[in-house]
Each structure stands twice: as C-alpha cells, then as structure tokens.
C-alpha cells in the first residue's frame, strides 16, 4: 500500500485524503504518512467478513419488510416513452441533426457591442448602409431559406414525437402515444397541470415539459 501512495501525485493524494475526511496540508511525505496511518487504523477496526455477511442476511430475511414503503417507488426514475418511428423518419431526424451542426449561429447586428442585443433573438438588418444586410465580408451570416431543414422532419421534436399543445385534460383524447407527445401551455396553472399529468399517465402519453409541482394548500 505504501508503494501505491508513493507513485501517486500530490493532487491524487489530496483527493484520497478528502474522501477519508483527513487534512490535506503538508508536503508529499506527510500526506503519505497520514494515509498510511489511516489505512492501518481502518484495517484494525474493520470487522470480519463473515460477521458482516450474517448481519446483512439477518436484516433482509423478510422481503416484505424491505419493500414495505411503497411511497418511495413514486420518486424513482422511470424511462421516458420513445416514439415508434419508421426507417425513413429516423434517417430524416439524423439528417436534420447533421444540418443543425453545420448551421451557423445567427446573431443580431452589432451583437458584440451591446449586451442586450447578444441576448435577444436574431432580427433582419434593415439599415440602408448596413454591412450585414449588404453581405460584406467578415459580417455575421443572415438567416436565409437555404438554411431550412429537411421537410419530412420539420415539425418533429428532437426525440421524434409530434408535439401537441394542450391546455385541458380533454385535449389529449384521441392522441396516439406512439407518435404524439404533449406540451402543456405556458398559461396553465398548477392545479390543471397536475390533472393533465395524471391524465397523460393514464393514456401513456409523454409530457415534454413535465415538471415537479410542490403540492401546497388545497392542491
């Protein structure tokens, strides 16, 4: 174990010391000595393996007691629904992703001069003497029809779902969970949003902008 510590760098030794809640000050020799002392104490205080195994088996002899709290399963991660896509749509999504990588970042005119312009979305330059509008060199590119994406995947979510805007639970009736996903409107309140979440779970629909809602008061 000492040879292993000597081959480590000072940064690595400090990381090991932090994991063991030990001070990280001093030279390399002091760090190694500190780790050797802690390793010797840990080996002396460690119980036998057989005793630990027996205690572990005794704690979980009754499986019903282990899975007694069913509320904990609600917070566990569940895999999101994925769409059922044909080969043509899958290829179209891949091609659209490659198009997006080649697409430049469209900036507003003089975005580097004002912070508020750098944060806002792109707008077409309209100045009569605008160098960007006249396509002069070393100017940011303008959004043109040539940058438009492939037609067959134009209105699809990056996951492949077709987005459907929903404001009420009744808006989800008749939707196909294999091809369509739900996006809740921004003006929907928490009370109605909870009912939409529950209705979507019953129908097996994926909510693209699902969020955790803290239940307070009469919610």
C-alpha atoms as a PDB file:
ATOM      1  CA  UNK A   1       0.000   0.000   0.000  1.00  0.00           C
ATOM      2  CA  UNK A   2       2.893   2.381   0.725  1.00  0.00           C
ATOM      3  CA  UNK A   3       4.315   1.882  -2.779  1.00  0.00           C
ATOM      4  CA  UNK A   4       0.926   2.748  -4.212  1.00  0.00           C
ATOM      5  CA  UNK A   5       0.831   6.039  -2.307  1.00  0.00           C
ATOM      6  CA  UNK A   6       4.388   6.926  -3.347  1.00  0.00           C
ATOM      7  CA  UNK A   7       3.524   6.502  -7.037  1.00  0.00           C
ATOM      8  CA  UNK A   8       0.590   8.924  -6.729  1.00  0.00           C
ATOM      9  CA  UNK A   9       0.835  12.649  -7.309  1.00  0.00           C
ATOM     10  CA  UNK A  10       0.172  15.261  -4.648  1.00  0.00           C
ATOM     11  CA  UNK A  11      -3.200  16.106  -6.185  1.00  0.00           C
ATOM     12  CA  UNK A  12      -4.242  12.455  -6.132  1.00  0.00           C
ATOM     13  CA  UNK A  13      -3.104  12.069  -2.541  1.00  0.00           C
ATOM     14  CA  UNK A  14      -5.148  15.104  -1.517  1.00  0.00           C
ATOM     15  CA  UNK A  15      -8.233  13.640  -3.219  1.00  0.00           C
ATOM     16  CA  UNK A  16      -7.843  10.428  -1.226  1.00  0.00           C
ATOM     17  CA  UNK A  17      -7.413  12.428   1.966  1.00  0.00           C
ATOM     18  CA  UNK A  18     -10.569  14.409   1.288  1.00  0.00           C
ATOM     19  CA  UNK A  19     -12.511  11.168   0.773  1.00  0.00           C
ATOM     20  CA  UNK A  20     -11.328   9.984   4.190  1.00  0.00           C
ATOM     21  CA  UNK A  21     -12.060  13.373   5.844  1.00  0.00           C
ATOM     22  CA  UNK A  22      -8.402  13.977   6.647  1.00  0.00           C
ATOM     23  CA  UNK A  23      -6.406  17.250   6.478  1.00  0.00           C
ATOM     24  CA  UNK A  24      -4.678  17.912   3.147  1.00  0.00           C
ATOM     25  CA  UNK A  25      -1.946  20.301   4.333  1.00  0.00           C
ATOM     26  CA  UNK A  26       1.754  19.477   4.315  1.00  0.00           C
ATOM     27  CA  UNK A  27       4.366  18.025   1.982  1.00  0.00           C
ATOM     28  CA  UNK A  28       4.064  14.794  -0.003  1.00  0.00           C
ATOM     29  CA  UNK A  29       5.871  12.727   2.658  1.00  0.00           C
ATOM     30  CA  UNK A  30       3.481  13.978   5.321  1.00  0.00           C
ATOM     31  CA  UNK A  31       0.480  13.155   3.147  1.00  0.00           C
ATOM     32  CA  UNK A  32       1.747   9.622   2.544  1.00  0.00           C
ATOM     33  CA  UNK A  33       2.392   9.084   6.253  1.00  0.00           C
ATOM     34  CA  UNK A  34      -1.086  10.347   7.074  1.00  0.00           C
ATOM     35  CA  UNK A  35      -2.648   7.937   4.586  1.00  0.00           C
ATOM     36  CA  UNK A  36      -0.591   5.015   5.878  1.00  0.00           C
ATOM     37  CA  UNK A  37      -1.729   5.711   9.433  1.00  0.00           C
ATOM     38  CA  UNK A  38      -5.360   5.918   8.387  1.00  0.00           C
ATOM     39  CA  UNK A  39      -5.060   2.689   6.399  1.00  0.00           C
ATOM     40  CA  UNK A  40      -3.591   0.868   9.410  1.00  0.00           C
ATOM     41  CA  UNK A  41      -6.366   2.123  11.682  1.00  0.00           C
ATOM     42  CA  UNK A  42      -9.043   1.086   9.187  1.00  0.00           C
ATOM     43  CA  UNK A  43      -7.676  -2.441   8.910  1.00  0.00           C
ATOM     44  CA  UNK A  44      -7.508  -2.772  12.690  1.00  0.00           C
ATOM     45  CA  UNK A  45     -11.065  -1.558  13.209  1.00  0.00           C
ATOM     46  CA  UNK A  46     -12.667  -3.477  10.306  1.00  0.00           C
ATOM     47  CA  UNK A  47     -14.876  -6.422  11.403  1.00  0.00           C
ATOM     48  CA  UNK A  48     -14.658  -9.900   9.952  1.00  0.00           C
ATOM     49  CA  UNK A  49     -16.348 -10.520   6.629  1.00  0.00           C
ATOM     50  CA  UNK A  50     -18.342 -13.473   7.843  1.00  0.00           C
ATOM     51  CA  UNK A  51     -19.935 -11.472  10.650  1.00  0.00           C
ATOM     52  CA  UNK A  52     -20.887  -8.663   8.284  1.00  0.00           C
ATOM     53  CA  UNK A  53     -22.457 -11.117   5.855  1.00  0.00           C
ATOM     54  CA  UNK A  54     -24.509 -12.755   8.566  1.00  0.00           C
ATOM     55  CA  UNK A  55     -25.781  -9.392   9.803  1.00  0.00           C
ATOM     56  CA  UNK A  56     -26.719  -8.381   6.260  1.00  0.00           C
ATOM     57  CA  UNK A  57     -28.647 -11.625   5.710  1.00  0.00           C
ATOM     58  CA  UNK A  58     -30.484 -11.203   9.016  1.00  0.00           C
ATOM     59  CA  UNK A  59     -31.561  -7.666   8.111  1.00  0.00           C
ATOM     60  CA  UNK A  60     -33.142  -8.759   4.827  1.00  0.00           C
ATOM     61  CA  UNK A  61     -34.601 -12.124   5.735  1.00  0.00           C
ATOM     62  CA  UNK A  62     -38.123 -10.779   5.309  1.00  0.00           C
ATOM     63  CA  UNK A  63     -38.506  -9.219   1.845  1.00  0.00           C
ATOM     64  CA  UNK A  64     -41.953  -7.870   2.685  1.00  0.00           C
ATOM     65  CA  UNK A  65     -40.447  -5.599   5.327  1.00  0.00           C
ATOM     66  CA  UNK A  66     -37.857  -4.318   2.849  1.00  0.00           C
ATOM     67  CA  UNK A  67     -40.495  -3.285   0.282  1.00  0.00           C
ATOM     68  CA  UNK A  68     -42.989  -2.084   2.842  1.00  0.00           C
ATOM     69  CA  UNK A  69     -42.747   1.638   1.939  1.00  0.00           C
ATOM     70  CA  UNK A  70     -44.381   1.809  -1.468  1.00  0.00           C
ATOM     71  CA  UNK A  71     -44.289   5.612  -1.485  1.00  0.00           C
ATOM     72  CA  UNK A  72     -40.551   5.538  -2.180  1.00  0.00           C
ATOM     73  CA  UNK A  73     -41.190   3.917  -5.574  1.00  0.00           C
ATOM     74  CA  UNK A  74     -43.020   7.032  -6.812  1.00  0.00           C
ATOM     75  CA  UNK A  75     -39.816   9.082  -6.738  1.00  0.00           C
ATOM     76  CA  UNK A  76     -37.788   6.524  -8.681  1.00  0.00           C
ATOM     77  CA  UNK A  77     -36.684   7.349 -12.213  1.00  0.00           C
ATOM     78  CA  UNK A  78     -38.807   5.865 -14.970  1.00  0.00           C
ATOM     79  CA  UNK A  79     -37.718   5.687 -18.584  1.00  0.00           C
ATOM     80  CA  UNK A  80     -39.399   8.183 -20.879  1.00  0.00           C
ATOM     81  CA  UNK A  81     -41.619   6.995 -23.652  1.00  0.00           C
ATOM     82  CA  UNK A  82     -39.983   6.770 -27.039  1.00  0.00           C
ATOM     83  CA  UNK A  83     -41.816   7.113 -30.363  1.00  0.00           C
ATOM     84  CA  UNK A  84     -42.327   4.296 -32.808  1.00  0.00           C
ATOM     85  CA  UNK A  85     -40.631   5.594 -35.956  1.00  0.00           C
ATOM     86  CA  UNK A  86     -40.145   4.094 -39.367  1.00  0.00           C
ATOM     87  CA  UNK A  87     -36.753   3.981 -41.046  1.00  0.00           C
ATOM     88  CA  UNK A  88     -37.469   6.996 -43.245  1.00  0.00           C
ATOM     89  CA  UNK A  89     -38.312   9.249 -40.281  1.00  0.00           C
ATOM     90  CA  UNK A  90     -35.293   8.034 -38.327  1.00  0.00           C
ATOM     91  CA  UNK A  91     -32.990   8.873 -41.219  1.00  0.00           C
ATOM     92  CA  UNK A  92     -34.673  12.260 -41.604  1.00  0.00           C
ATOM     93  CA  UNK A  93     -34.043  13.082 -37.930  1.00  0.00           C
ATOM     94  CA  UNK A  94     -30.376  12.136 -38.267  1.00  0.00           C
ATOM     95  CA  UNK A  95     -30.046  14.248 -41.388  1.00  0.00           C
ATOM     96  CA  UNK A  96     -31.689  17.194 -39.624  1.00  0.00           C
ATOM     97  CA  UNK A  97     -29.231  16.851 -36.743  1.00  0.00           C
ATOM     98  CA  UNK A  98     -26.321  16.961 -39.179  1.00  0.00           C
ATOM     99  CA  UNK A  99     -27.847  20.034 -40.826  1.00  0.00           C
ATOM    100  CA  UNK A 100     -28.132  21.759 -37.456  1.00  0.00           C
ATOM    101  CA  UNK A 101     -24.444  21.154 -36.717  1.00  0.00           C
ATOM    102  CA  UNK A 102     -23.448  22.888 -39.949  1.00  0.00           C
ATOM    103  CA  UNK A 103     -25.813  25.812 -39.366  1.00  0.00           C
ATOM    104  CA  UNK A 104     -24.074  28.958 -38.064  1.00  0.00           C
ATOM    105  CA  UNK A 105     -25.242  30.916 -35.062  1.00  0.00           C
ATOM    106  CA  UNK A 106     -27.406  33.789 -36.296  1.00  0.00           C
ATOM    107  CA  UNK A 107     -26.539  36.951 -34.400  1.00  0.00           C
ATOM    108  CA  UNK A 108     -28.183  40.335 -34.387  1.00  0.00           C
ATOM    109  CA  UNK A 109     -26.456  43.268 -35.990  1.00  0.00           C
ATOM    110  CA  UNK A 110     -23.751  44.647 -33.659  1.00  0.00           C
ATOM    111  CA  UNK A 111     -24.465  41.926 -31.102  1.00  0.00           C
ATOM    112  CA  UNK A 112     -20.882  42.262 -29.838  1.00  0.00           C
ATOM    113  CA  UNK A 113     -21.406  45.934 -28.992  1.00  0.00           C
ATOM    114  CA  UNK A 114     -24.450  45.720 -26.702  1.00  0.00           C
ATOM    115  CA  UNK A 115     -25.226  43.005 -24.213  1.00  0.00           C
ATOM    116  CA  UNK A 116     -28.982  43.257 -24.717  1.00  0.00           C
ATOM    117  CA  UNK A 117     -28.527  42.507 -28.435  1.00  0.00           C
ATOM    118  CA  UNK A 118     -26.377  39.467 -27.683  1.00  0.00           C
ATOM    119  CA  UNK A 119     -29.141  38.011 -25.507  1.00  0.00           C
ATOM    120  CA  UNK A 120     -32.022  38.684 -27.912  1.00  0.00           C
ATOM    121  CA  UNK A 121     -33.010  36.566 -30.899  1.00  0.00           C
ATOM    122  CA  UNK A 122     -31.958  37.232 -34.474  1.00  0.00           C
ATOM    123  CA  UNK A 123     -33.606  40.032 -36.462  1.00  0.00           C
ATOM    124  CA  UNK A 124     -33.134  41.003 -40.058  1.00  0.00           C
ATOM    125  CA  UNK A 125     -30.911  44.085 -40.523  1.00  0.00           C
ATOM    126  CA  UNK A 126     -32.791  46.911 -42.234  1.00  0.00           C
ATOM    127  CA  UNK A 127     -30.302  49.783 -42.342  1.00  0.00           C
ATOM    128  CA  UNK A 128     -29.670  51.278 -45.760  1.00  0.00           C
ATOM    129  CA  UNK A 129     -25.904  51.257 -45.200  1.00  0.00           C
ATOM    130  CA  UNK A 130     -25.849  48.087 -43.104  1.00  0.00           C
ATOM    131  CA  UNK A 131     -22.778  45.999 -43.942  1.00  0.00           C
ATOM    132  CA  UNK A 132     -24.520  42.893 -42.683  1.00  0.00           C
ATOM    133  CA  UNK A 133     -27.511  43.461 -44.962  1.00  0.00           C
ATOM    134  CA  UNK A 134     -25.192  44.070 -47.926  1.00  0.00           C
ATOM    135  CA  UNK A 135     -23.368  40.775 -47.254  1.00  0.00           C
ATOM    136  CA  UNK A 136     -19.961  42.333 -46.897  1.00  0.00           C
ATOM    137  CA  UNK A 137     -17.023  40.304 -45.709  1.00  0.00           C
ATOM    138  CA  UNK A 138     -16.434  39.378 -42.077  1.00  0.00           C
ATOM    139  CA  UNK A 139     -20.061  40.038 -41.185  1.00  0.00           C
ATOM    140  CA  UNK A 140     -22.333  37.541 -39.395  1.00  0.00           C
ATOM    141  CA  UNK A 141     -24.481  35.382 -41.708  1.00  0.00           C
ATOM    142  CA  UNK A 142     -28.146  36.147 -42.148  1.00  0.00           C
ATOM    143  CA  UNK A 143     -30.968  33.627 -41.856  1.00  0.00           C
ATOM    144  CA  UNK A 144     -31.972  32.523 -45.347  1.00  0.00           C
ATOM    145  CA  UNK A 145     -34.181  29.932 -46.924  1.00  0.00           C
ATOM    146  CA  UNK A 146     -31.123  27.842 -47.732  1.00  0.00           C
ATOM    147  CA  UNK A 147     -30.666  27.008 -44.060  1.00  0.00           C
ATOM    148  CA  UNK A 148     -34.109  25.420 -43.817  1.00  0.00           C
ATOM    149  CA  UNK A 149     -34.188  21.835 -42.564  1.00  0.00           C
ATOM    150  CA  UNK A 150     -35.481  18.706 -44.229  1.00  0.00           C
ATOM    151  CA  UNK A 151     -39.229  18.804 -44.855  1.00  0.00           C
ATOM    152  CA  UNK A 152     -40.180  15.367 -43.514  1.00  0.00           C
ATOM    153  CA  UNK A 153     -38.762  16.127 -40.024  1.00  0.00           C
ATOM    154  CA  UNK A 154     -39.524  19.824 -39.855  1.00  0.00           C
ATOM    155  CA  UNK A 155     -42.229  19.864 -37.160  1.00  0.00           C
ATOM    156  CA  UNK A 156     -40.950  16.960 -35.073  1.00  0.00           C
ATOM    157  CA  UNK A 157     -39.472  17.100 -31.599  1.00  0.00           C
ATOM    158  CA  UNK A 158     -35.795  16.027 -31.394  1.00  0.00           C
ATOM    159  CA  UNK A 159     -36.976  12.770 -29.831  1.00  0.00           C
ATOM    160  CA  UNK A 160     -39.174  12.089 -32.883  1.00  0.00           C
ATOM    161  CA  UNK A 161     -42.560  12.885 -31.346  1.00  0.00           C
ATOM    162  CA  UNK A 162     -45.110  15.166 -32.920  1.00  0.00           C
ATOM    163  CA  UNK A 163     -45.829  17.934 -30.410  1.00  0.00           C
ATOM    164  CA  UNK A 164     -49.438  18.676 -29.457  1.00  0.00           C
ATOM    165  CA  UNK A 165     -50.177  21.810 -27.421  1.00  0.00           C
ATOM    166  CA  UNK A 166     -52.559  21.039 -24.551  1.00  0.00           C
ATOM    167  CA  UNK A 167     -54.442  23.333 -22.169  1.00  0.00           C
ATOM    168  CA  UNK A 168     -57.025  20.890 -20.738  1.00  0.00           C
ATOM    169  CA  UNK A 169     -57.045  17.166 -19.952  1.00  0.00           C
ATOM    170  CA  UNK A 170     -59.784  16.702 -22.572  1.00  0.00           C
ATOM    171  CA  UNK A 171     -57.385  17.900 -25.294  1.00  0.00           C
ATOM    172  CA  UNK A 172     -55.480  14.626 -25.014  1.00  0.00           C
ATOM    173  CA  UNK A 173     -58.390  12.436 -26.066  1.00  0.00           C
ATOM    174  CA  UNK A 174     -57.637  10.552 -29.272  1.00  0.00           C
ATOM    175  CA  UNK A 175     -53.879  11.150 -29.265  1.00  0.00           C
ATOM    176  CA  UNK A 176     -51.524   8.387 -30.348  1.00  0.00           C
ATOM    177  CA  UNK A 177     -48.941   7.706 -27.591  1.00  0.00           C
ATOM    178  CA  UNK A 178     -46.618   6.042 -30.109  1.00  0.00           C
ATOM    179  CA  UNK A 179     -46.252   9.103 -32.327  1.00  0.00           C
ATOM    180  CA  UNK A 180     -47.569  12.146 -30.444  1.00  0.00           C
ATOM    181  CA  UNK A 181     -46.387  13.874 -27.264  1.00  0.00           C
ATOM    182  CA  UNK A 182     -47.969  16.573 -25.109  1.00  0.00           C
ATOM    183  CA  UNK A 183     -46.650  20.055 -24.456  1.00  0.00           C
ATOM    184  CA  UNK A 184     -48.584  21.947 -21.773  1.00  0.00           C
ATOM    185  CA  UNK A 185     -49.336  25.596 -22.469  1.00  0.00           C
ATOM    186  CA  UNK A 186     -47.392  28.219 -20.560  1.00  0.00           C
ATOM    187  CA  UNK A 187     -50.552  29.812 -19.125  1.00  0.00           C
ATOM    188  CA  UNK A 188     -51.811  26.603 -17.499  1.00  0.00           C
ATOM    189  CA  UNK A 189     -51.844  26.730 -13.691  1.00  0.00           C
ATOM    190  CA  UNK A 190     -50.520  24.109 -11.311  1.00  0.00           C
ATOM    191  CA  UNK A 191     -53.941  22.716 -10.429  1.00  0.00           C
ATOM    192  CA  UNK A 192     -54.824  21.956 -14.028  1.00  0.00           C
ATOM    193  CA  UNK A 193     -51.263  20.902 -14.785  1.00  0.00           C
ATOM    194  CA  UNK A 194     -51.489  18.174 -12.152  1.00  0.00           C
ATOM    195  CA  UNK A 195     -54.671  16.825 -13.721  1.00  0.00           C
ATOM    196  CA  UNK A 196     -53.006  16.880 -17.148  1.00  0.00           C
ATOM    197  CA  UNK A 197     -50.063  14.916 -15.757  1.00  0.00           C
ATOM    198  CA  UNK A 198     -52.381  12.307 -14.280  1.00  0.00           C
ATOM    199  CA  UNK A 199     -54.429  12.052 -17.477  1.00  0.00           C
ATOM    200  CA  UNK A 200     -51.244  11.689 -19.537  1.00  0.00           C
ATOM    201  CA  UNK A 201     -50.050   8.882 -17.265  1.00  0.00           C
ATOM    202  CA  UNK A 202     -53.346   7.062 -17.735  1.00  0.00           C
ATOM    203  CA  UNK A 203     -53.157   7.389 -21.524  1.00  0.00           C
ATOM    204  CA  UNK A 204     -49.439   6.590 -21.704  1.00  0.00           C
ATOM    205  CA  UNK A 205     -48.585   9.958 -23.244  1.00  0.00           C
ATOM    206  CA  UNK A 206     -45.273  11.684 -22.763  1.00  0.00           C
ATOM    207  CA  UNK A 207     -45.303  15.253 -21.439  1.00  0.00           C
ATOM    208  CA  UNK A 208     -42.374  17.125 -22.973  1.00  0.00           C
ATOM    209  CA  UNK A 209     -42.330  19.952 -20.423  1.00  0.00           C
ATOM    210  CA  UNK A 210     -43.218  17.942 -17.328  1.00  0.00           C
ATOM    211  CA  UNK A 211     -42.033  19.496 -14.098  1.00  0.00           C
ATOM    212  CA  UNK A 212     -42.220  18.723 -10.404  1.00  0.00           C
ATOM    213  CA  UNK A 213     -45.044  20.552  -8.670  1.00  0.00           C
ATOM    214  CA  UNK A 214     -44.876  21.123  -4.941  1.00  0.00           C
ATOM    215  CA  UNK A 215     -48.325  20.481  -3.508  1.00  0.00           C
ATOM    216  CA  UNK A 216     -49.339  23.214  -1.103  1.00  0.00           C
ATOM    217  CA  UNK A 217     -52.611  24.235   0.459  1.00  0.00           C
ATOM    218  CA  UNK A 218     -55.583  22.770  -1.415  1.00  0.00           C
ATOM    219  CA  UNK A 219     -53.521  21.329  -4.269  1.00  0.00           C
END
